[in-house]
């Protein structure tokens, strides 16, 4: 499956920590239930962080296959 990405803008360090902790826990649960492989687990943990100078915010860029990203989005933000 090809990789996709979602971008989550944040302004506070505490928000970034919560999102990254939630992402880790979600991936760990997905790995434990055999929804993703160990290689996918390792690859998906690599979150990119980009500072948007114009908006004075940090964008967290999380990568994974489309199904995992949709499930995470629903897990965090509720239904679409």
N, C-alpha and C. Protein backbone atom coordinates (compact mmCIF):
# COMPACT_ATOMS: atom_id res chain seq x y z
N UNK A 1 0.84 -1.18 0.00
CA UNK A 1 0.00 0.00 0.00
C UNK A 1 0.88 1.24 0.00
N UNK A 2 0.48 2.26 -0.71
CA UNK A 2 1.28 3.48 -0.76
C UNK A 2 1.07 4.32 0.49
N UNK A 3 2.08 5.09 0.82
CA UNK A 3 2.00 5.93 2.00
C UNK A 3 1.31 7.24 1.68
N UNK A 4 0.56 7.72 2.65
CA UNK A 4 -0.12 9.00 2.59
C UNK A 4 0.37 9.80 3.79
N UNK A 5 -0.06 11.04 3.90
CA UNK A 5 0.32 11.88 5.04
C UNK A 5 -0.85 12.75 5.46
N UNK A 6 -0.90 13.03 6.75
CA UNK A 6 -1.83 14.04 7.25
C UNK A 6 -1.00 15.07 8.00
N UNK A 7 -1.45 16.30 7.93
CA UNK A 7 -0.77 17.40 8.61
C UNK A 7 -1.68 17.92 9.71
N UNK A 8 -1.12 18.04 10.90
CA UNK A 8 -1.87 18.53 12.04
C UNK A 8 -1.17 19.78 12.56
N UNK A 9 -1.78 20.96 12.37
CA UNK A 9 -1.16 22.20 12.85
C UNK A 9 -1.33 22.34 14.37
N UNK A 10 -0.28 22.80 15.04
CA UNK A 10 -0.34 23.05 16.48
C UNK A 10 0.41 24.34 16.79
N UNK A 11 0.05 24.95 17.89
CA UNK A 11 0.76 26.15 18.33
C UNK A 11 1.46 25.93 19.67
N UNK A 12 0.96 24.98 20.44
CA UNK A 12 1.50 24.74 21.78
C UNK A 12 2.29 23.44 21.82
N UNK A 13 3.40 23.46 22.52
CA UNK A 13 4.21 22.26 22.69
C UNK A 13 3.41 21.15 23.38
N UNK A 14 2.58 21.51 24.32
CA UNK A 14 1.77 20.50 25.02
C UNK A 14 0.83 19.78 24.06
N UNK A 15 0.30 20.49 23.07
CA UNK A 15 -0.58 19.86 22.08
C UNK A 15 0.21 18.88 21.21
N UNK A 16 1.42 19.26 20.85
CA UNK A 16 2.28 18.38 20.05
C UNK A 16 2.57 17.09 20.80
N UNK A 17 2.87 17.23 22.10
CA UNK A 17 3.17 16.05 22.91
C UNK A 17 1.96 15.12 22.98
N UNK A 18 0.78 15.67 23.14
CA UNK A 18 -0.43 14.86 23.24
C UNK A 18 -0.69 14.13 21.92
N UNK A 19 -0.57 14.84 20.82
CA UNK A 19 -0.81 14.23 19.51
C UNK A 19 0.21 13.13 19.23
N UNK A 20 1.49 13.39 19.51
CA UNK A 20 2.51 12.38 19.27
C UNK A 20 2.34 11.17 20.19
N UNK A 21 1.94 11.40 21.43
CA UNK A 21 1.68 10.28 22.34
C UNK A 21 0.49 9.47 21.86
N UNK A 22 -0.55 10.16 21.39
CA UNK A 22 -1.73 9.46 20.87
C UNK A 22 -1.36 8.66 19.62
N UNK A 23 -0.53 9.22 18.76
CA UNK A 23 -0.09 8.54 17.54
C UNK A 23 0.69 7.27 17.92
N UNK A 24 1.61 7.39 18.88
CA UNK A 24 2.38 6.23 19.31
C UNK A 24 1.45 5.15 19.88
N UNK A 25 0.55 5.53 20.77
CA UNK A 25 -0.36 4.55 21.37
C UNK A 25 -1.25 3.89 20.32
N UNK A 26 -1.74 4.67 19.37
CA UNK A 26 -2.57 4.14 18.30
C UNK A 26 -1.77 3.12 17.47
N UNK A 27 -0.54 3.49 17.10
CA UNK A 27 0.29 2.58 16.32
C UNK A 27 0.62 1.32 17.11
N UNK A 28 0.90 1.46 18.39
CA UNK A 28 1.22 0.30 19.24
C UNK A 28 0.03 -0.65 19.31
N UNK A 29 -1.17 -0.09 19.48
CA UNK A 29 -2.37 -0.93 19.50
C UNK A 29 -2.58 -1.60 18.14
N UNK A 30 -2.32 -0.88 17.07
CA UNK A 30 -2.47 -1.45 15.73
C UNK A 30 -1.47 -2.57 15.50
N UNK A 31 -0.25 -2.38 15.99
CA UNK A 31 0.77 -3.42 15.86
C UNK A 31 0.41 -4.64 16.71
N UNK A 32 -0.01 -4.40 17.94
CA UNK A 32 -0.37 -5.50 18.84
C UNK A 32 -1.54 -6.33 18.31
N UNK A 33 -2.46 -5.67 17.60
CA UNK A 33 -3.60 -6.39 17.03
C UNK A 33 -3.32 -6.87 15.60
N UNK A 34 -2.05 -6.76 15.20
CA UNK A 34 -1.56 -7.26 13.90
C UNK A 34 -2.21 -6.57 12.70
N UNK A 35 -2.59 -5.29 12.88
CA UNK A 35 -3.10 -4.51 11.75
C UNK A 35 -1.97 -3.93 10.92
N UNK A 36 -0.79 -3.77 11.56
CA UNK A 36 0.39 -3.29 10.85
C UNK A 36 1.58 -4.17 11.23
N UNK A 37 2.57 -4.22 10.36
CA UNK A 37 3.78 -5.02 10.61
C UNK A 37 4.76 -4.23 11.47
N UNK A 38 5.80 -4.89 11.92
CA UNK A 38 6.82 -4.20 12.71
C UNK A 38 7.55 -3.15 11.88
N UNK A 39 7.77 -3.43 10.59
CA UNK A 39 8.40 -2.44 9.71
C UNK A 39 7.51 -1.21 9.53
N UNK A 40 6.22 -1.44 9.34
CA UNK A 40 5.28 -0.31 9.22
C UNK A 40 5.25 0.48 10.52
N UNK A 41 5.21 -0.21 11.64
CA UNK A 41 5.21 0.46 12.94
C UNK A 41 6.41 1.40 13.06
N UNK A 42 7.58 0.90 12.72
CA UNK A 42 8.80 1.70 12.79
C UNK A 42 8.76 2.88 11.82
N UNK A 43 8.33 2.62 10.59
CA UNK A 43 8.27 3.68 9.58
C UNK A 43 7.27 4.77 9.96
N UNK A 44 6.10 4.37 10.44
CA UNK A 44 5.04 5.33 10.74
C UNK A 44 5.36 6.18 11.97
N UNK A 45 6.25 5.69 12.83
CA UNK A 45 6.62 6.47 14.01
C UNK A 45 7.43 7.72 13.65
N UNK A 46 8.01 7.74 12.48
CA UNK A 46 8.85 8.86 12.06
C UNK A 46 7.97 10.04 11.64
N UNK A 47 7.65 10.89 12.59
CA UNK A 47 6.82 12.06 12.31
C UNK A 47 7.72 13.24 11.92
N UNK A 48 7.32 13.94 10.89
CA UNK A 48 8.05 15.14 10.49
C UNK A 48 7.43 16.35 11.18
N UNK A 49 8.29 17.30 11.50
CA UNK A 49 7.85 18.53 12.16
C UNK A 49 8.34 19.69 11.31
N UNK A 50 7.39 20.57 10.92
CA UNK A 50 7.72 21.71 10.07
C UNK A 50 7.22 22.98 10.75
N UNK A 51 8.09 23.98 10.84
CA UNK A 51 7.67 25.26 11.41
C UNK A 51 7.19 26.16 10.29
N UNK A 52 5.94 26.63 10.40
CA UNK A 52 5.36 27.56 9.41
C UNK A 52 5.54 28.96 9.95
N UNK A 53 6.52 29.66 9.43
CA UNK A 53 6.88 30.99 9.91
C UNK A 53 5.74 31.98 9.71
N UNK A 54 5.03 31.89 8.58
CA UNK A 54 3.95 32.82 8.30
C UNK A 54 2.81 32.70 9.30
N UNK A 55 2.50 31.49 9.71
CA UNK A 55 1.39 31.26 10.63
C UNK A 55 1.83 31.12 12.08
N UNK A 56 3.15 31.13 12.32
CA UNK A 56 3.72 30.92 13.64
C UNK A 56 3.13 29.67 14.29
N UNK A 57 3.21 28.57 13.56
CA UNK A 57 2.71 27.30 14.08
C UNK A 57 3.61 26.18 13.61
N UNK A 58 3.51 25.08 14.29
CA UNK A 58 4.26 23.89 13.93
C UNK A 58 3.29 22.87 13.36
N UNK A 59 3.63 22.33 12.20
CA UNK A 59 2.83 21.31 11.56
C UNK A 59 3.45 19.95 11.81
N UNK A 60 2.68 19.05 12.40
CA UNK A 60 3.11 17.66 12.56
C UNK A 60 2.63 16.91 11.34
N UNK A 61 3.53 16.22 10.67
CA UNK A 61 3.18 15.46 9.48
C UNK A 61 3.35 13.98 9.80
N UNK A 62 2.22 13.29 9.85
CA UNK A 62 2.21 11.87 10.18
C UNK A 62 1.97 11.08 8.90
N UNK A 63 2.74 10.02 8.70
CA UNK A 63 2.61 9.22 7.49
C UNK A 63 2.16 7.81 7.83
N UNK A 64 1.50 7.19 6.87
CA UNK A 64 1.03 5.82 7.01
C UNK A 64 0.18 5.47 5.81
N UNK A 65 -0.35 4.27 5.80
CA UNK A 65 -1.26 3.94 4.71
C UNK A 65 -2.60 4.65 4.96
N UNK A 66 -3.39 4.74 3.94
CA UNK A 66 -4.64 5.52 4.02
C UNK A 66 -5.58 4.99 5.10
N UNK A 67 -5.67 3.69 5.23
CA UNK A 67 -6.57 3.09 6.22
C UNK A 67 -6.15 3.46 7.64
N UNK A 68 -4.86 3.35 7.94
CA UNK A 68 -4.36 3.68 9.29
C UNK A 68 -4.58 5.16 9.59
N UNK A 69 -4.30 6.03 8.63
CA UNK A 69 -4.48 7.47 8.86
C UNK A 69 -5.95 7.82 9.07
N UNK A 70 -6.83 7.20 8.30
CA UNK A 70 -8.26 7.43 8.49
C UNK A 70 -8.72 6.95 9.87
N UNK A 71 -8.23 5.78 10.27
CA UNK A 71 -8.59 5.26 11.59
C UNK A 71 -8.07 6.16 12.70
N UNK A 72 -6.86 6.67 12.55
CA UNK A 72 -6.29 7.58 13.56
C UNK A 72 -7.09 8.88 13.61
N UNK A 73 -7.40 9.42 12.45
CA UNK A 73 -8.18 10.66 12.39
C UNK A 73 -9.51 10.50 13.10
N UNK A 74 -10.17 9.37 12.87
CA UNK A 74 -11.44 9.08 13.53
C UNK A 74 -11.23 8.87 15.03
N UNK A 75 -10.17 8.18 15.40
CA UNK A 75 -9.83 7.92 16.80
C UNK A 75 -9.62 9.22 17.57
N UNK A 76 -8.96 10.17 16.96
CA UNK A 76 -8.64 11.44 17.64
C UNK A 76 -9.74 12.48 17.52
N UNK A 77 -10.24 12.67 16.31
CA UNK A 77 -11.16 13.78 16.04
C UNK A 77 -12.63 13.35 15.93
N UNK A 78 -12.90 12.06 16.10
CA UNK A 78 -14.28 11.58 15.95
C UNK A 78 -14.55 11.25 14.49
N UNK A 79 -15.80 11.01 14.18
CA UNK A 79 -16.15 10.63 12.81
C UNK A 79 -15.86 11.78 11.85
N UNK A 80 -15.69 11.42 10.59
CA UNK A 80 -15.33 12.40 9.56
C UNK A 80 -16.41 13.43 9.35
